[in-house]
Amino acid sequence: MAGKISMGAQREVVSVVTERYRSAKRAEKGRILDELCATTGWHRKHAVRALRRREAVGPGSYSRERGELPQPALTCRAPSATPFSGGFSF
């Protein structure tokens, strides 16, 4: 297993290998994955996902791409008593 390399170095390796991976045939893709896993210490599935990403993204770029801030998935409402809900509504 390879020694630890920095996140910046991992990004550089992925950006260099990505185009070669996308244009390669199936057998060559396997060799590229083996090289990447040996270099970074990643599992193959993680390497595949890293190579298939559209572009290398930095922290916070999701919200910048879409021009909006992430919204909370759930909102809390104060309970209100109704005769049909047993005292609370959701």
N, C-alpha and C. Protein backbone atom coordinates (compact mmCIF):
# COMPACT_ATOMS: atom_id res chain seq x y z
N MET A 1 0.84 -1.18 0.00
CA MET A 1 0.00 0.00 0.00
C MET A 1 0.88 1.23 0.00
N ALA A 2 0.47 2.23 -0.71
CA ALA A 2 1.25 3.46 -0.83
C ALA A 2 1.16 4.26 0.46
N GLY A 3 2.17 5.12 0.66
CA GLY A 3 2.12 6.02 1.80
C GLY A 3 1.06 7.08 1.58
N LYS A 4 0.76 7.81 2.64
CA LYS A 4 -0.25 8.86 2.53
C LYS A 4 0.26 9.99 1.64
N ILE A 5 -0.60 10.47 0.76
CA ILE A 5 -0.28 11.66 -0.02
C ILE A 5 -1.35 12.70 0.29
N SER A 6 -1.01 13.95 0.10
CA SER A 6 -1.92 15.03 0.49
C SER A 6 -3.14 15.08 -0.44
N MET A 7 -4.18 15.77 0.02
CA MET A 7 -5.40 15.92 -0.77
C MET A 7 -5.10 16.67 -2.07
N GLY A 8 -4.25 17.67 -1.99
CA GLY A 8 -3.89 18.41 -3.19
C GLY A 8 -3.21 17.53 -4.22
N ALA A 9 -2.31 16.67 -3.74
CA ALA A 9 -1.63 15.74 -4.65
C ALA A 9 -2.62 14.74 -5.24
N GLN A 10 -3.58 14.29 -4.44
CA GLN A 10 -4.59 13.37 -4.95
C GLN A 10 -5.40 14.03 -6.05
N ARG A 11 -5.80 15.31 -5.84
CA ARG A 11 -6.55 16.04 -6.87
C ARG A 11 -5.75 16.18 -8.15
N GLU A 12 -4.46 16.47 -8.01
CA GLU A 12 -3.61 16.60 -9.19
C GLU A 12 -3.52 15.29 -9.96
N VAL A 13 -3.34 14.19 -9.24
CA VAL A 13 -3.25 12.88 -9.89
C VAL A 13 -4.55 12.57 -10.63
N VAL A 14 -5.68 12.81 -9.97
CA VAL A 14 -6.98 12.53 -10.59
C VAL A 14 -7.19 13.41 -11.82
N SER A 15 -6.83 14.68 -11.74
CA SER A 15 -7.04 15.55 -12.89
C SER A 15 -6.17 15.14 -14.08
N VAL A 16 -4.99 14.61 -13.82
CA VAL A 16 -4.12 14.16 -14.90
C VAL A 16 -4.64 12.87 -15.52
N VAL A 17 -5.15 11.97 -14.70
CA VAL A 17 -5.54 10.64 -15.16
C VAL A 17 -6.95 10.63 -15.77
N THR A 18 -7.79 11.59 -15.42
CA THR A 18 -9.20 11.57 -15.82
C THR A 18 -9.39 11.48 -17.33
N GLU A 19 -8.75 12.32 -18.08
CA GLU A 19 -8.95 12.31 -19.54
C GLU A 19 -8.47 11.00 -20.16
N ARG A 20 -7.35 10.50 -19.67
CA ARG A 20 -6.83 9.21 -20.18
C ARG A 20 -7.83 8.09 -19.86
N TYR A 21 -8.44 8.13 -18.66
CA TYR A 21 -9.40 7.11 -18.26
C TYR A 21 -10.65 7.16 -19.14
N ARG A 22 -11.15 8.37 -19.41
CA ARG A 22 -12.39 8.50 -20.19
C ARG A 22 -12.23 8.04 -21.63
N SER A 23 -11.05 8.22 -22.20
CA SER A 23 -10.86 7.83 -23.60
C SER A 23 -10.36 6.39 -23.74
N ALA A 24 -10.10 5.69 -22.64
CA ALA A 24 -9.54 4.35 -22.69
C ALA A 24 -10.63 3.29 -22.91
N LYS A 25 -10.19 2.16 -23.46
CA LYS A 25 -11.07 0.99 -23.58
C LYS A 25 -11.13 0.29 -22.22
N ARG A 26 -11.97 -0.72 -22.12
CA ARG A 26 -12.23 -1.39 -20.84
C ARG A 26 -10.97 -1.97 -20.19
N ALA A 27 -10.16 -2.69 -20.95
CA ALA A 27 -8.96 -3.31 -20.38
C ALA A 27 -7.99 -2.25 -19.86
N GLU A 28 -7.83 -1.19 -20.61
CA GLU A 28 -6.93 -0.11 -20.19
C GLU A 28 -7.47 0.60 -18.95
N LYS A 29 -8.79 0.73 -18.85
CA LYS A 29 -9.38 1.35 -17.66
C LYS A 29 -9.02 0.57 -16.40
N GLY A 30 -9.00 -0.75 -16.51
CA GLY A 30 -8.61 -1.57 -15.36
C GLY A 30 -7.19 -1.29 -14.92
N ARG A 31 -6.28 -1.16 -15.87
CA ARG A 31 -4.88 -0.85 -15.55
C ARG A 31 -4.75 0.54 -14.93
N ILE A 32 -5.51 1.49 -15.46
CA ILE A 32 -5.47 2.85 -14.91
C ILE A 32 -5.98 2.85 -13.48
N LEU A 33 -7.06 2.10 -13.22
CA LEU A 33 -7.60 2.02 -11.85
C LEU A 33 -6.58 1.39 -10.91
N ASP A 34 -5.89 0.33 -11.38
CA ASP A 34 -4.87 -0.30 -10.54
C ASP A 34 -3.77 0.69 -10.17
N GLU A 35 -3.33 1.47 -11.16
CA GLU A 35 -2.29 2.47 -10.90
C GLU A 35 -2.76 3.52 -9.91
N LEU A 36 -3.98 4.01 -10.11
CA LEU A 36 -4.52 5.05 -9.24
C LEU A 36 -4.69 4.54 -7.81
N CYS A 37 -5.17 3.32 -7.66
CA CYS A 37 -5.34 2.74 -6.32
C CYS A 37 -3.99 2.55 -5.63
N ALA A 38 -2.99 2.14 -6.39
CA ALA A 38 -1.65 1.96 -5.82
C ALA A 38 -1.06 3.30 -5.41
N THR A 39 -1.31 4.34 -6.18
CA THR A 39 -0.75 5.66 -5.90
C THR A 39 -1.43 6.33 -4.71
N THR A 40 -2.76 6.27 -4.67
CA THR A 40 -3.51 7.03 -3.66
C THR A 40 -3.88 6.21 -2.43
N GLY A 41 -3.92 4.89 -2.56
CA GLY A 41 -4.36 4.06 -1.45
C GLY A 41 -5.88 3.93 -1.38
N TRP A 42 -6.57 4.38 -2.42
CA TRP A 42 -8.03 4.31 -2.46
C TRP A 42 -8.49 2.91 -2.84
N HIS A 43 -9.76 2.61 -2.53
CA HIS A 43 -10.41 1.41 -3.05
C HIS A 43 -10.82 1.68 -4.49
N ARG A 44 -11.03 0.62 -5.26
CA ARG A 44 -11.36 0.77 -6.67
C ARG A 44 -12.65 1.56 -6.88
N LYS A 45 -13.66 1.30 -6.06
CA LYS A 45 -14.94 1.98 -6.23
C LYS A 45 -14.78 3.49 -6.03
N HIS A 46 -14.00 3.88 -5.04
CA HIS A 46 -13.76 5.30 -4.81
C HIS A 46 -13.01 5.91 -6.00
N ALA A 47 -12.05 5.18 -6.52
CA ALA A 47 -11.28 5.67 -7.66
C ALA A 47 -12.18 5.85 -8.89
N VAL A 48 -13.07 4.89 -9.13
CA VAL A 48 -14.00 4.99 -10.26
C VAL A 48 -14.87 6.23 -10.12
N ARG A 49 -15.40 6.45 -8.93
CA ARG A 49 -16.27 7.61 -8.71
C ARG A 49 -15.50 8.91 -8.88
N ALA A 50 -14.26 8.94 -8.42
CA ALA A 50 -13.45 10.15 -8.56
C ALA A 50 -13.15 10.44 -10.03
N LEU A 51 -12.92 9.40 -10.82
CA LEU A 51 -12.61 9.59 -12.23
C LEU A 51 -13.84 9.91 -13.06
N ARG A 52 -15.01 9.51 -12.59
CA ARG A 52 -16.24 9.76 -13.36
C ARG A 52 -16.87 11.10 -13.07
N ARG A 53 -16.42 11.79 -12.03
CA ARG A 53 -16.95 13.12 -11.73
C ARG A 53 -16.75 14.03 -12.91
N ARG A 54 -17.66 14.97 -13.10
CA ARG A 54 -17.57 15.90 -14.22
C ARG A 54 -16.31 16.74 -14.17
N GLU A 55 -16.01 17.25 -13.00
CA GLU A 55 -14.80 18.06 -12.82
C GLU A 55 -14.42 18.01 -11.36
N ALA A 56 -13.19 18.31 -11.07
CA ALA A 56 -12.75 18.34 -9.68
C ALA A 56 -13.40 19.53 -9.00
N VAL A 57 -14.13 19.27 -7.94
CA VAL A 57 -14.84 20.33 -7.25
C VAL A 57 -14.20 20.58 -5.91
N GLY A 58 -14.21 21.82 -5.51
CA GLY A 58 -13.68 22.21 -4.22
C GLY A 58 -14.80 22.35 -3.21
N PRO A 59 -14.46 22.64 -1.98
CA PRO A 59 -15.49 22.78 -0.96
C PRO A 59 -16.41 23.96 -1.27
N GLY A 60 -17.69 23.74 -1.16
CA GLY A 60 -18.67 24.80 -1.34
C GLY A 60 -19.04 25.09 -2.77
N SER A 61 -18.52 24.37 -3.73
CA SER A 61 -18.80 24.70 -5.12
C SER A 61 -20.21 24.30 -5.54
N TYR A 62 -20.84 23.39 -4.81
CA TYR A 62 -22.20 22.98 -5.14
C TYR A 62 -23.14 24.17 -5.10
N SER A 63 -23.08 24.93 -4.01
CA SER A 63 -24.00 26.06 -3.88
C SER A 63 -23.63 27.19 -4.84
N ARG A 64 -22.34 27.34 -5.16
CA ARG A 64 -21.94 28.38 -6.08
C ARG A 64 -22.37 28.07 -7.51
N GLU A 65 -22.35 26.79 -7.89
CA GLU A 65 -22.76 26.41 -9.24
C GLU A 65 -24.22 26.78 -9.50
N ARG A 66 -25.05 26.54 -8.54
CA ARG A 66 -26.47 26.74 -8.72
C ARG A 66 -26.93 28.13 -8.28
N GLY A 67 -26.06 28.89 -7.66
CA GLY A 67 -26.40 30.23 -7.24
C GLY A 67 -27.34 30.29 -6.05
N GLU A 68 -27.35 29.26 -5.26
CA GLU A 68 -28.23 29.24 -4.11
C GLU A 68 -27.54 28.55 -2.95
N LEU A 69 -28.02 28.80 -1.76
CA LEU A 69 -27.49 28.15 -0.59
C LEU A 69 -28.30 26.90 -0.30
N PRO A 70 -27.67 25.85 0.22
CA PRO A 70 -28.43 24.66 0.58
C PRO A 70 -29.49 24.97 1.64
N GLN A 71 -30.67 24.43 1.47
CA GLN A 71 -31.77 24.66 2.41
C GLN A 71 -31.91 23.43 3.31
N PRO A 72 -32.38 23.62 4.54
CA PRO A 72 -32.58 22.47 5.42
C PRO A 72 -33.66 21.55 4.86
N ALA A 73 -33.48 20.26 5.05
CA ALA A 73 -34.40 19.28 4.50
C ALA A 73 -35.75 19.29 5.24
N LEU A 74 -35.71 19.50 6.53
CA LEU A 74 -36.95 19.50 7.32
C LEU A 74 -37.12 20.85 7.99
N THR A 75 -38.35 21.26 8.10
CA THR A 75 -38.64 22.47 8.85
C THR A 75 -39.53 22.10 10.03
N CYS A 76 -39.37 22.78 11.11
CA CYS A 76 -40.16 22.49 12.31
C CYS A 76 -41.35 23.43 12.37
N ARG A 77 -42.49 22.87 12.72
CA ARG A 77 -43.69 23.67 12.93
C ARG A 77 -44.15 23.46 14.35
N ALA A 78 -44.72 24.48 14.90
CA ALA A 78 -45.28 24.36 16.24
C ALA A 78 -46.53 23.48 16.16
N PRO A 79 -46.71 22.60 17.12
CA PRO A 79 -47.90 21.74 17.09
C PRO A 79 -49.16 22.57 17.28
N SER A 80 -50.21 22.21 16.55
CA SER A 80 -51.49 22.88 16.72
C SER A 80 -52.56 21.82 16.96
N ALA A 81 -53.43 22.12 17.83
CA ALA A 81 -54.47 21.16 18.19
C ALA A 81 -55.59 21.22 17.15
N THR A 82 -55.94 20.08 16.61
CA THR A 82 -57.09 19.96 15.72
C THR A 82 -57.91 18.77 16.19
N PRO A 83 -59.19 18.79 15.96
CA PRO A 83 -60.03 17.70 16.46
C PRO A 83 -59.74 16.37 15.75
N PHE A 84 -59.16 16.36 14.57
CA PHE A 84 -58.97 15.13 13.80
C PHE A 84 -57.60 14.51 13.96
N SER A 85 -56.63 15.23 14.50
CA SER A 85 -55.27 14.71 14.51
C SER A 85 -54.85 14.20 15.88
N GLY A 86 -55.75 14.21 16.83
CA GLY A 86 -55.38 13.74 18.16
C GLY A 86 -54.58 14.79 18.93
N GLY A 87 -54.62 16.01 18.52
CA GLY A 87 -53.95 17.07 19.25
C GLY A 87 -52.79 17.70 18.53
N PHE A 88 -52.19 17.00 17.56
CA PHE A 88 -51.02 17.56 16.87
C PHE A 88 -51.18 17.40 15.37
N SER A 89 -50.64 18.34 14.64
CA SER A 89 -50.59 18.21 13.20
C SER A 89 -49.13 18.30 12.76
N PHE A 90 -48.80 17.57 11.71
CA PHE A 90 -47.41 17.55 11.25
C PHE A 90 -47.29 18.15 9.89
